[in-house]
Structures are given as structure tokens and as C-alpha cells.
ModelCIF file with pLDDT and N, C-alpha, C, O atoms, coordinates in Angstrom:
data_MODEL
#
_entry.id   MODEL 
#
_entity.id                         1 
_entity.type                       polymer 
_entity.pdbx_number_of_molecules   1 
#
_entity_poly.entity_id                      1 
_entity_poly.type                           'polypeptide(L)' 
_entity_poly.nstd_linkage                   no 
_entity_poly.nstd_monomer                   no 
_entity_poly.pdbx_seq_one_letter_code       LEFRNLGPFRGGRVVAVAGDYENRLVFYFGSTGGGVWKTEDGGHY 
_entity_poly.pdbx_seq_one_letter_code_can   LEFRNLGPFRGGRVVAVAGDYENRLVFYFGSTGGGVWKTEDGGHY 
_entity_poly.pdbx_strand_id                 A 
#
loop_
_entity_poly_seq.entity_id 
_entity_poly_seq.num 
_entity_poly_seq.mon_id 
_entity_poly_seq.hetero 
1 1  LEU n 
1 2  GLU n 
1 3  PHE n 
1 4  ARG n 
1 5  ASN n 
1 6  LEU n 
1 7  GLY n 
1 8  PRO n 
1 9  PHE n 
1 10 ARG n 
1 11 GLY n 
1 12 GLY n 
1 13 ARG n 
1 14 VAL n 
1 15 VAL n 
1 16 ALA n 
1 17 VAL n 
1 18 ALA n 
1 19 GLY n 
1 20 ASP n 
1 21 TYR n 
1 22 GLU n 
1 23 ASN n 
1 24 ARG n 
1 25 LEU n 
1 26 VAL n 
1 27 PHE n 
1 28 TYR n 
1 29 PHE n 
1 30 GLY n 
1 31 SER n 
1 32 THR n 
1 33 GLY n 
1 34 GLY n 
1 35 GLY n 
1 36 VAL n 
1 37 TRP n 
1 38 LYS n 
1 39 THR n 
1 40 GLU n 
1 41 ASP n 
1 42 GLY n 
1 43 GLY n 
1 44 HIS n 
1 45 TYR n 
#
_struct_asym.id          A 
_struct_asym.entity_id   1 
#
loop_
_ma_qa_metric.id 
_ma_qa_metric.mode 
_ma_qa_metric.name 
_ma_qa_metric.software_group_id 
_ma_qa_metric.type 
1 global pLDDT . pLDDT 
2 local  pLDDT . pLDDT 
#
_ma_qa_metric_global.metric_id      1 
_ma_qa_metric_global.metric_value   87.36 
_ma_qa_metric_global.model_id       1 
_ma_qa_metric_global.ordinal_id     1 
#
loop_
_ma_qa_metric_local.label_asym_id 
_ma_qa_metric_local.label_comp_id 
_ma_qa_metric_local.label_seq_id 
_ma_qa_metric_local.metric_id 
_ma_qa_metric_local.metric_value 
_ma_qa_metric_local.model_id 
_ma_qa_metric_local.ordinal_id 
A LEU 1  2 77.00 1 1  
A GLU 2  2 79.00 1 2  
A PHE 3  2 73.00 1 3  
A ARG 4  2 72.00 1 4  
A ASN 5  2 63.00 1 5  
A LEU 6  2 62.00 1 6  
A GLY 7  2 55.00 1 7  
A PRO 8  2 52.00 1 8  
A PHE 9  2 56.00 1 9  
A ARG 10 2 56.00 1 10 
A GLY 11 2 57.00 1 11 
A GLY 12 2 71.00 1 12 
A ARG 13 2 89.00 1 13 
A VAL 14 2 94.00 1 14 
A VAL 15 2 96.00 1 15 
A ALA 16 2 98.00 1 16 
A VAL 17 2 98.00 1 17 
A ALA 18 2 98.00 1 18 
A GLY 19 2 98.00 1 19 
A ASP 20 2 98.00 1 20 
A TYR 21 2 97.00 1 21 
A GLU 22 2 97.00 1 22 
A ASN 23 2 97.00 1 23 
A ARG 24 2 97.00 1 24 
A LEU 25 2 98.00 1 25 
A VAL 26 2 98.00 1 26 
A PHE 27 2 98.00 1 27 
A TYR 28 2 98.00 1 28 
A PHE 29 2 97.00 1 29 
A GLY 30 2 97.00 1 30 
A SER 31 2 94.00 1 31 
A THR 32 2 93.00 1 32 
A GLY 33 2 90.00 1 33 
A GLY 34 2 91.00 1 34 
A GLY 35 2 95.00 1 35 
A VAL 36 2 97.00 1 36 
A TRP 37 2 96.00 1 37 
A LYS 38 2 97.00 1 38 
A THR 39 2 96.00 1 39 
A GLU 40 2 97.00 1 40 
A ASP 41 2 95.00 1 41 
A GLY 42 2 95.00 1 42 
A GLY 43 2 94.00 1 43 
A HIS 44 2 92.00 1 44 
A TYR 45 2 93.00 1 45 
#
loop_
_atom_site.group_PDB 
_atom_site.id 
_atom_site.type_symbol 
_atom_site.label_atom_id 
_atom_site.label_alt_id 
_atom_site.label_comp_id 
_atom_site.label_asym_id 
_atom_site.label_entity_id 
_atom_site.label_seq_id 
_atom_site.pdbx_PDB_ins_code 
_atom_site.Cartn_x 
_atom_site.Cartn_y 
_atom_site.Cartn_z 
_atom_site.occupancy 
_atom_site.B_iso_or_equiv 
_atom_site.pdbx_formal_charge 
_atom_site.auth_seq_id 
_atom_site.auth_comp_id 
_atom_site.auth_asym_id 
_atom_site.auth_atom_id 
_atom_site.pdbx_PDB_model_num 
ATOM 1   N N  . LEU A 1 1  ? -17.997 -194.462 -34.035 1.00 77.00 ? 1  LEU A N  1 
ATOM 2   C CA . LEU A 1 1  ? -17.107 -193.144 -33.750 1.00 77.00 ? 1  LEU A CA 1 
ATOM 3   C C  . LEU A 1 1  ? -15.929 -193.407 -32.799 1.00 77.00 ? 1  LEU A C  1 
ATOM 4   O O  . LEU A 1 1  ? -16.018 -194.159 -31.829 1.00 77.00 ? 1  LEU A O  1 
ATOM 5   N N  . GLU A 1 2  ? -14.742 -192.689 -33.169 1.00 79.00 ? 2  GLU A N  1 
ATOM 6   C CA . GLU A 1 2  ? -13.554 -192.924 -32.321 1.00 79.00 ? 2  GLU A CA 1 
ATOM 7   C C  . GLU A 1 2  ? -13.144 -191.325 -31.969 1.00 79.00 ? 2  GLU A C  1 
ATOM 8   O O  . GLU A 1 2  ? -13.326 -190.478 -32.844 1.00 79.00 ? 2  GLU A O  1 
ATOM 9   N N  . PHE A 1 3  ? -12.623 -190.968 -30.750 1.00 73.00 ? 3  PHE A N  1 
ATOM 10  C CA . PHE A 1 3  ? -11.935 -189.658 -30.550 1.00 73.00 ? 3  PHE A CA 1 
ATOM 11  C C  . PHE A 1 3  ? -10.703 -189.831 -31.139 1.00 73.00 ? 3  PHE A C  1 
ATOM 12  O O  . PHE A 1 3  ? -10.066 -190.883 -31.171 1.00 73.00 ? 3  PHE A O  1 
ATOM 13  N N  . ARG A 1 4  ? -10.357 -188.667 -31.650 1.00 72.00 ? 4  ARG A N  1 
ATOM 14  C CA . ARG A 1 4  ? -8.980  -188.303 -32.256 1.00 72.00 ? 4  ARG A CA 1 
ATOM 15  C C  . ARG A 1 4  ? -8.542  -187.054 -31.678 1.00 72.00 ? 4  ARG A C  1 
ATOM 16  O O  . ARG A 1 4  ? -9.390  -186.212 -31.382 1.00 72.00 ? 4  ARG A O  1 
ATOM 17  N N  . ASN A 1 5  ? -7.064  -186.795 -31.444 1.00 63.00 ? 5  ASN A N  1 
ATOM 18  C CA . ASN A 1 5  ? -6.496  -185.759 -30.781 1.00 63.00 ? 5  ASN A CA 1 
ATOM 19  C C  . ASN A 1 5  ? -6.514  -184.460 -31.990 1.00 63.00 ? 5  ASN A C  1 
ATOM 20  O O  . ASN A 1 5  ? -6.095  -184.607 -33.138 1.00 63.00 ? 5  ASN A O  1 
ATOM 21  N N  . LEU A 1 6  ? -6.994  -183.408 -31.531 1.00 62.00 ? 6  LEU A N  1 
ATOM 22  C CA . LEU A 1 6  ? -6.659  -182.401 -32.504 1.00 62.00 ? 6  LEU A CA 1 
ATOM 23  C C  . LEU A 1 6  ? -5.791  -181.327 -31.973 1.00 62.00 ? 6  LEU A C  1 
ATOM 24  O O  . LEU A 1 6  ? -5.666  -180.251 -32.558 1.00 62.00 ? 6  LEU A O  1 
ATOM 25  N N  . GLY A 1 7  ? -5.242  -181.591 -30.960 1.00 55.00 ? 7  GLY A N  1 
ATOM 26  C CA . GLY A 1 7  ? -3.984  -180.715 -30.255 1.00 55.00 ? 7  GLY A CA 1 
ATOM 27  C C  . GLY A 1 7  ? -4.356  -180.018 -28.684 1.00 55.00 ? 7  GLY A C  1 
ATOM 28  O O  . GLY A 1 7  ? -5.477  -180.025 -28.174 1.00 55.00 ? 7  GLY A O  1 
ATOM 29  N N  . PRO A 1 8  ? -3.513  -179.618 -28.275 1.00 52.00 ? 8  PRO A N  1 
ATOM 30  C CA . PRO A 1 8  ? -2.164  -179.602 -28.517 1.00 52.00 ? 8  PRO A CA 1 
ATOM 31  C C  . PRO A 1 8  ? -1.546  -180.896 -28.560 1.00 52.00 ? 8  PRO A C  1 
ATOM 32  O O  . PRO A 1 8  ? -1.813  -181.879 -27.869 1.00 52.00 ? 8  PRO A O  1 
ATOM 33  N N  . PHE A 1 9  ? -0.604  -180.757 -29.546 1.00 56.00 ? 9  PHE A N  1 
ATOM 34  C CA . PHE A 1 9  ? 0.166   -182.261 -29.529 1.00 56.00 ? 9  PHE A CA 1 
ATOM 35  C C  . PHE A 1 9  ? 1.537   -182.236 -28.618 1.00 56.00 ? 9  PHE A C  1 
ATOM 36  O O  . PHE A 1 9  ? 2.694   -182.143 -29.026 1.00 56.00 ? 9  PHE A O  1 
ATOM 37  N N  . ARG A 1 10 ? 1.058   -182.349 -27.253 1.00 56.00 ? 10 ARG A N  1 
ATOM 38  C CA . ARG A 1 10 ? 2.236   -182.773 -26.280 1.00 56.00 ? 10 ARG A CA 1 
ATOM 39  C C  . ARG A 1 10 ? 1.608   -183.297 -25.085 1.00 56.00 ? 10 ARG A C  1 
ATOM 40  O O  . ARG A 1 10 ? 0.634   -182.942 -24.421 1.00 56.00 ? 10 ARG A O  1 
ATOM 41  N N  . GLY A 1 11 ? 2.627   -184.452 -24.983 1.00 57.00 ? 11 GLY A N  1 
ATOM 42  C CA . GLY A 1 11 ? 2.097   -185.309 -23.800 1.00 57.00 ? 11 GLY A CA 1 
ATOM 43  C C  . GLY A 1 11 ? 2.768   -185.289 -22.370 1.00 57.00 ? 11 GLY A C  1 
ATOM 44  O O  . GLY A 1 11 ? 2.975   -186.265 -21.650 1.00 57.00 ? 11 GLY A O  1 
ATOM 45  N N  . GLY A 1 12 ? 3.071   -183.921 -22.110 1.00 71.00 ? 12 GLY A N  1 
ATOM 46  C CA . GLY A 1 12 ? 3.746   -183.896 -20.842 1.00 71.00 ? 12 GLY A CA 1 
ATOM 47  C C  . GLY A 1 12 ? 5.295   -184.188 -20.848 1.00 71.00 ? 12 GLY A C  1 
ATOM 48  O O  . GLY A 1 12 ? 5.871   -184.552 -21.873 1.00 71.00 ? 12 GLY A O  1 
ATOM 49  N N  . ARG A 1 13 ? 5.839   -184.034 -19.821 1.00 89.00 ? 13 ARG A N  1 
ATOM 50  C CA . ARG A 1 13 ? 7.260   -184.186 -19.363 1.00 89.00 ? 13 ARG A CA 1 
ATOM 51  C C  . ARG A 1 13 ? 7.857   -185.412 -19.538 1.00 89.00 ? 13 ARG A C  1 
ATOM 52  O O  . ARG A 1 13 ? 7.474   -186.282 -18.757 1.00 89.00 ? 13 ARG A O  1 
ATOM 53  N N  . VAL A 1 14 ? 8.868   -185.789 -20.524 1.00 94.00 ? 14 VAL A N  1 
ATOM 54  C CA . VAL A 1 14 ? 9.440   -186.990 -20.657 1.00 94.00 ? 14 VAL A CA 1 
ATOM 55  C C  . VAL A 1 14 ? 10.808  -186.913 -20.309 1.00 94.00 ? 14 VAL A C  1 
ATOM 56  O O  . VAL A 1 14 ? 11.471  -186.049 -20.882 1.00 94.00 ? 14 VAL A O  1 
ATOM 57  N N  . VAL A 1 15 ? 11.322  -187.595 -19.541 1.00 96.00 ? 15 VAL A N  1 
ATOM 58  C CA . VAL A 1 15 ? 12.627  -188.010 -18.857 1.00 96.00 ? 15 VAL A CA 1 
ATOM 59  C C  . VAL A 1 15 ? 13.400  -189.200 -19.312 1.00 96.00 ? 15 VAL A C  1 
ATOM 60  O O  . VAL A 1 15 ? 14.604  -189.352 -19.101 1.00 96.00 ? 15 VAL A O  1 
ATOM 61  N N  . ALA A 1 16 ? 12.575  -190.092 -19.996 1.00 98.00 ? 16 ALA A N  1 
ATOM 62  C CA . ALA A 1 16 ? 13.289  -191.245 -20.283 1.00 98.00 ? 16 ALA A CA 1 
ATOM 63  C C  . ALA A 1 16 ? 12.620  -192.076 -21.689 1.00 98.00 ? 16 ALA A C  1 
ATOM 64  O O  . ALA A 1 16 ? 11.476  -192.445 -21.958 1.00 98.00 ? 16 ALA A O  1 
ATOM 65  N N  . VAL A 1 17 ? 13.844  -192.160 -22.370 1.00 98.00 ? 17 VAL A N  1 
ATOM 66  C CA . VAL A 1 17 ? 13.191  -192.947 -24.072 1.00 98.00 ? 17 VAL A CA 1 
ATOM 67  C C  . VAL A 1 17 ? 14.035  -194.051 -24.175 1.00 98.00 ? 17 VAL A C  1 
ATOM 68  O O  . VAL A 1 17 ? 15.058  -194.120 -23.493 1.00 98.00 ? 17 VAL A O  1 
ATOM 69  N N  . ALA A 1 18 ? 13.669  -195.024 -25.053 1.00 98.00 ? 18 ALA A N  1 
ATOM 70  C CA . ALA A 1 18 ? 14.557  -195.930 -25.507 1.00 98.00 ? 18 ALA A CA 1 
ATOM 71  C C  . ALA A 1 18 ? 13.823  -196.634 -26.665 1.00 98.00 ? 18 ALA A C  1 
ATOM 72  O O  . ALA A 1 18 ? 12.598  -196.580 -26.773 1.00 98.00 ? 18 ALA A O  1 
ATOM 73  N N  . GLY A 1 19 ? 14.704  -197.367 -27.618 1.00 98.00 ? 19 GLY A N  1 
ATOM 74  C CA . GLY A 1 19 ? 14.419  -197.945 -28.722 1.00 98.00 ? 19 GLY A CA 1 
ATOM 75  C C  . GLY A 1 19 ? 14.422  -199.386 -28.792 1.00 98.00 ? 19 GLY A C  1 
ATOM 76  O O  . GLY A 1 19 ? 15.101  -199.976 -27.951 1.00 98.00 ? 19 GLY A O  1 
ATOM 77  N N  . ASP A 1 20 ? 13.589  -200.258 -29.905 1.00 98.00 ? 20 ASP A N  1 
ATOM 78  C CA . ASP A 1 20 ? 13.715  -201.368 -29.862 1.00 98.00 ? 20 ASP A CA 1 
ATOM 79  C C  . ASP A 1 20 ? 15.252  -201.708 -30.742 1.00 98.00 ? 20 ASP A C  1 
ATOM 80  O O  . ASP A 1 20 ? 15.546  -200.876 -31.600 1.00 98.00 ? 20 ASP A O  1 
ATOM 81  N N  . TYR A 1 21 ? 16.080  -202.731 -30.570 1.00 97.00 ? 21 TYR A N  1 
ATOM 82  C CA . TYR A 1 21 ? 17.380  -202.681 -31.193 1.00 97.00 ? 21 TYR A CA 1 
ATOM 83  C C  . TYR A 1 21 ? 16.939  -203.635 -32.679 1.00 97.00 ? 21 TYR A C  1 
ATOM 84  O O  . TYR A 1 21 ? 17.707  -203.668 -33.640 1.00 97.00 ? 21 TYR A O  1 
ATOM 85  N N  . GLU A 1 22 ? 15.833  -204.245 -32.673 1.00 97.00 ? 22 GLU A N  1 
ATOM 86  C CA . GLU A 1 22 ? 15.700  -204.958 -33.952 1.00 97.00 ? 22 GLU A CA 1 
ATOM 87  C C  . GLU A 1 22 ? 14.564  -204.356 -34.743 1.00 97.00 ? 22 GLU A C  1 
ATOM 88  O O  . GLU A 1 22 ? 14.741  -204.330 -35.961 1.00 97.00 ? 22 GLU A O  1 
ATOM 89  N N  . ASN A 1 23 ? 13.396  -203.852 -34.266 1.00 97.00 ? 23 ASN A N  1 
ATOM 90  C CA . ASN A 1 23 ? 12.455  -203.480 -35.224 1.00 97.00 ? 23 ASN A CA 1 
ATOM 91  C C  . ASN A 1 23 ? 12.638  -202.020 -35.078 1.00 97.00 ? 23 ASN A C  1 
ATOM 92  O O  . ASN A 1 23 ? 12.539  -201.445 -33.994 1.00 97.00 ? 23 ASN A O  1 
ATOM 93  N N  . ARG A 1 24 ? 12.934  -201.383 -36.305 1.00 97.00 ? 24 ARG A N  1 
ATOM 94  C CA . ARG A 1 24 ? 13.142  -200.090 -36.641 1.00 97.00 ? 24 ARG A CA 1 
ATOM 95  C C  . ARG A 1 24 ? 11.990  -199.149 -36.290 1.00 97.00 ? 24 ARG A C  1 
ATOM 96  O O  . ARG A 1 24 ? 12.287  -197.963 -36.152 1.00 97.00 ? 24 ARG A O  1 
ATOM 97  N N  . LEU A 1 25 ? 10.643  -199.537 -36.116 1.00 98.00 ? 25 LEU A N  1 
ATOM 98  C CA . LEU A 1 25 ? 9.564   -198.738 -35.660 1.00 98.00 ? 25 LEU A CA 1 
ATOM 99  C C  . LEU A 1 25 ? 9.136   -198.682 -34.570 1.00 98.00 ? 25 LEU A C  1 
ATOM 100 O O  . LEU A 1 25 ? 8.211   -197.905 -34.337 1.00 98.00 ? 25 LEU A O  1 
ATOM 101 N N  . VAL A 1 26 ? 9.723   -199.563 -33.475 1.00 98.00 ? 26 VAL A N  1 
ATOM 102 C CA . VAL A 1 26 ? 9.422   -199.588 -32.042 1.00 98.00 ? 26 VAL A CA 1 
ATOM 103 C C  . VAL A 1 26 ? 10.393  -198.580 -31.354 1.00 98.00 ? 26 VAL A C  1 
ATOM 104 O O  . VAL A 1 26 ? 11.606  -198.513 -31.550 1.00 98.00 ? 26 VAL A O  1 
ATOM 105 N N  . PHE A 1 27 ? 9.540   -197.698 -30.393 1.00 98.00 ? 27 PHE A N  1 
ATOM 106 C CA . PHE A 1 27 ? 9.975   -196.929 -29.451 1.00 98.00 ? 27 PHE A CA 1 
ATOM 107 C C  . PHE A 1 27 ? 9.542   -196.759 -28.210 1.00 98.00 ? 27 PHE A C  1 
ATOM 108 O O  . PHE A 1 27 ? 8.320   -196.890 -28.139 1.00 98.00 ? 27 PHE A O  1 
ATOM 109 N N  . TYR A 1 28 ? 10.110  -196.497 -27.116 1.00 98.00 ? 28 TYR A N  1 
ATOM 110 C CA . TYR A 1 28 ? 9.312   -196.220 -25.832 1.00 98.00 ? 28 TYR A CA 1 
ATOM 111 C C  . TYR A 1 28 ? 9.570   -194.898 -25.355 1.00 98.00 ? 28 TYR A C  1 
ATOM 112 O O  . TYR A 1 28 ? 10.481  -194.221 -25.832 1.00 98.00 ? 28 TYR A O  1 
ATOM 113 N N  . PHE A 1 29 ? 8.729   -194.440 -24.330 1.00 97.00 ? 29 PHE A N  1 
ATOM 114 C CA . PHE A 1 29 ? 9.054   -193.383 -23.626 1.00 97.00 ? 29 PHE A CA 1 
ATOM 115 C C  . PHE A 1 29 ? 8.207   -193.644 -22.152 1.00 97.00 ? 29 PHE A C  1 
ATOM 116 O O  . PHE A 1 29 ? 7.225   -194.358 -21.950 1.00 97.00 ? 29 PHE A O  1 
ATOM 117 N N  . GLY A 1 30 ? 8.951   -192.813 -21.248 1.00 97.00 ? 30 GLY A N  1 
ATOM 118 C CA . GLY A 1 30 ? 8.443   -192.851 -20.065 1.00 97.00 ? 30 GLY A CA 1 
ATOM 119 C C  . GLY A 1 30 ? 8.046   -191.490 -19.484 1.00 97.00 ? 30 GLY A C  1 
ATOM 120 O O  . GLY A 1 30 ? 8.983   -190.698 -19.383 1.00 97.00 ? 30 GLY A O  1 
ATOM 121 N N  . SER A 1 31 ? 6.968   -191.105 -19.123 1.00 94.00 ? 31 SER A N  1 
ATOM 122 C CA . SER A 1 31 ? 6.368   -190.030 -18.736 1.00 94.00 ? 31 SER A CA 1 
ATOM 123 C C  . SER A 1 31 ? 6.424   -189.921 -17.053 1.00 94.00 ? 31 SER A C  1 
ATOM 124 O O  . SER A 1 31 ? 6.124   -190.749 -16.193 1.00 94.00 ? 31 SER A O  1 
ATOM 125 N N  . THR A 1 32 ? 6.861   -188.750 -16.967 1.00 93.00 ? 32 THR A N  1 
ATOM 126 C CA . THR A 1 32 ? 6.865   -188.276 -15.482 1.00 93.00 ? 32 THR A CA 1 
ATOM 127 C C  . THR A 1 32 ? 5.405   -188.071 -14.532 1.00 93.00 ? 32 THR A C  1 
ATOM 128 O O  . THR A 1 32 ? 5.278   -187.628 -13.390 1.00 93.00 ? 32 THR A O  1 
ATOM 129 N N  . GLY A 1 33 ? 4.412   -188.569 -15.478 1.00 90.00 ? 33 GLY A N  1 
ATOM 130 C CA . GLY A 1 33 ? 3.091   -188.627 -14.762 1.00 90.00 ? 33 GLY A CA 1 
ATOM 131 C C  . GLY A 1 33 ? 2.134   -189.578 -15.312 1.00 90.00 ? 33 GLY A C  1 
ATOM 132 O O  . GLY A 1 33 ? 1.023   -189.544 -14.783 1.00 90.00 ? 33 GLY A O  1 
ATOM 133 N N  . GLY A 1 34 ? 2.324   -190.495 -16.340 1.00 91.00 ? 34 GLY A N  1 
ATOM 134 C CA . GLY A 1 34 ? 1.681   -191.164 -17.157 1.00 91.00 ? 34 GLY A CA 1 
ATOM 135 C C  . GLY A 1 34 ? 2.196   -192.626 -17.483 1.00 91.00 ? 34 GLY A C  1 
ATOM 136 O O  . GLY A 1 34 ? 1.620   -193.314 -18.326 1.00 91.00 ? 34 GLY A O  1 
ATOM 137 N N  . GLY A 1 35 ? 3.205   -193.033 -16.843 1.00 95.00 ? 35 GLY A N  1 
ATOM 138 C CA . GLY A 1 35 ? 3.679   -194.445 -17.226 1.00 95.00 ? 35 GLY A CA 1 
ATOM 139 C C  . GLY A 1 35 ? 4.546   -194.576 -18.466 1.00 95.00 ? 35 GLY A C  1 
ATOM 140 O O  . GLY A 1 35 ? 5.214   -193.613 -18.840 1.00 95.00 ? 35 GLY A O  1 
ATOM 141 N N  . VAL A 1 36 ? 4.560   -195.788 -19.149 1.00 97.00 ? 36 VAL A N  1 
ATOM 142 C CA . VAL A 1 36 ? 5.480   -196.300 -20.021 1.00 97.00 ? 36 VAL A CA 1 
ATOM 143 C C  . VAL A 1 36 ? 4.471   -196.312 -21.385 1.00 97.00 ? 36 VAL A C  1 
ATOM 144 O O  . VAL A 1 36 ? 3.390   -196.891 -21.278 1.00 97.00 ? 36 VAL A O  1 
ATOM 145 N N  . TRP A 1 37 ? 4.826   -195.685 -22.631 1.00 96.00 ? 37 TRP A N  1 
ATOM 146 C CA . TRP A 1 37 ? 4.188   -195.560 -23.816 1.00 96.00 ? 37 TRP A CA 1 
ATOM 147 C C  . TRP A 1 37 ? 5.031   -196.171 -24.720 1.00 96.00 ? 37 TRP A C  1 
ATOM 148 O O  . TRP A 1 37 ? 6.246   -195.982 -24.678 1.00 96.00 ? 37 TRP A O  1 
ATOM 149 N N  . LYS A 1 38 ? 4.403   -197.019 -25.688 1.00 97.00 ? 38 LYS A N  1 
ATOM 150 C CA . LYS A 1 38 ? 5.053   -197.418 -26.941 1.00 97.00 ? 38 LYS A CA 1 
ATOM 151 C C  . LYS A 1 38 ? 4.489   -197.187 -28.166 1.00 97.00 ? 38 LYS A C  1 
ATOM 152 O O  . LYS A 1 38 ? 3.284   -196.934 -28.197 1.00 97.00 ? 38 LYS A O  1 
ATOM 153 N N  . THR A 1 39 ? 5.231   -197.230 -29.361 1.00 96.00 ? 39 THR A N  1 
ATOM 154 C CA . THR A 1 39 ? 4.800   -196.843 -30.455 1.00 96.00 ? 39 THR A CA 1 
ATOM 155 C C  . THR A 1 39 ? 5.308   -198.159 -31.410 1.00 96.00 ? 39 THR A C  1 
ATOM 156 O O  . THR A 1 39 ? 6.377   -198.723 -31.177 1.00 96.00 ? 39 THR A O  1 
ATOM 157 N N  . GLU A 1 40 ? 4.426   -198.563 -32.486 1.00 97.00 ? 40 GLU A N  1 
ATOM 158 C CA . GLU A 1 40 ? 5.058   -199.457 -33.425 1.00 97.00 ? 40 GLU A CA 1 
ATOM 159 C C  . GLU A 1 40 ? 5.038   -199.007 -34.794 1.00 97.00 ? 40 GLU A C  1 
ATOM 160 O O  . GLU A 1 40 ? 5.251   -199.821 -35.693 1.00 97.00 ? 40 GLU A O  1 
ATOM 161 N N  . ASP A 1 41 ? 4.798   -197.766 -35.052 1.00 95.00 ? 41 ASP A N  1 
ATOM 162 C CA . ASP A 1 41 ? 4.734   -197.249 -36.548 1.00 95.00 ? 41 ASP A CA 1 
ATOM 163 C C  . ASP A 1 41 ? 5.735   -196.071 -36.414 1.00 95.00 ? 41 ASP A C  1 
ATOM 164 O O  . ASP A 1 41 ? 5.553   -195.176 -37.238 1.00 95.00 ? 41 ASP A O  1 
ATOM 165 N N  . GLY A 1 42 ? 6.734   -195.897 -35.558 1.00 95.00 ? 42 GLY A N  1 
ATOM 166 C CA . GLY A 1 42 ? 7.677   -194.856 -35.691 1.00 95.00 ? 42 GLY A CA 1 
ATOM 167 C C  . GLY A 1 42 ? 7.232   -193.456 -35.198 1.00 95.00 ? 42 GLY A C  1 
ATOM 168 O O  . GLY A 1 42 ? 7.611   -192.374 -35.647 1.00 95.00 ? 42 GLY A O  1 
ATOM 169 N N  . GLY A 1 43 ? 6.412   -193.669 -34.253 1.00 94.00 ? 43 GLY A N  1 
ATOM 170 C CA . GLY A 1 43 ? 6.034   -192.458 -33.405 1.00 94.00 ? 43 GLY A CA 1 
ATOM 171 C C  . GLY A 1 43 ? 4.812   -191.842 -34.077 1.00 94.00 ? 43 GLY A C  1 
ATOM 172 O O  . GLY A 1 43 ? 4.825   -190.612 -34.033 1.00 94.00 ? 43 GLY A O  1 
ATOM 173 N N  . HIS A 1 44 ? 3.892   -192.318 -34.611 1.00 92.00 ? 44 HIS A N  1 
ATOM 174 C CA . HIS A 1 44 ? 2.779   -191.905 -35.405 1.00 92.00 ? 44 HIS A CA 1 
ATOM 175 C C  . HIS A 1 44 ? 1.651   -191.842 -34.405 1.00 92.00 ? 44 HIS A C  1 
ATOM 176 O O  . HIS A 1 44 ? 0.791   -190.963 -34.356 1.00 92.00 ? 44 HIS A O  1 
ATOM 177 N N  . TYR A 1 45 ? 1.773   -192.936 -33.580 1.00 93.00 ? 45 TYR A N  1 
ATOM 178 C CA . TYR A 1 45 ? 0.571   -193.302 -32.906 1.00 93.00 ? 45 TYR A CA 1 
ATOM 179 C C  . TYR A 1 45 ? 1.394   -193.973 -31.471 1.00 93.00 ? 45 TYR A C  1 
ATOM 180 O O  . TYR A 1 45 ? 0.734   -194.444 -30.545 1.00 93.00 ? 45 TYR A O  1 
#
């Protein structure tokens, strides 16, 4: 069994974002309290 988020669907304050110039599904964000996060499926996960 695995946990999945049932909400609320907010991850805190984000003041920094960036995207991959070659892979259209890859993006990054920097949280003000949680480091750097990456998605490889266009933001679903």
C-alpha cells in the first residue's frame, strides 16, 4: 500500500520556477521551505 494525497492540493509558497528547454514535460520549482522539486510528467507528480 502507498499513501496518496487527498488534499488540500497546495504545497506552500513558491517564488522560483524553471523548465527544461528540451524535455517538454520536465519542470522545476523552488519552495520557500522545502527545497527543489521536479516533475517529469508535466506537473501531475
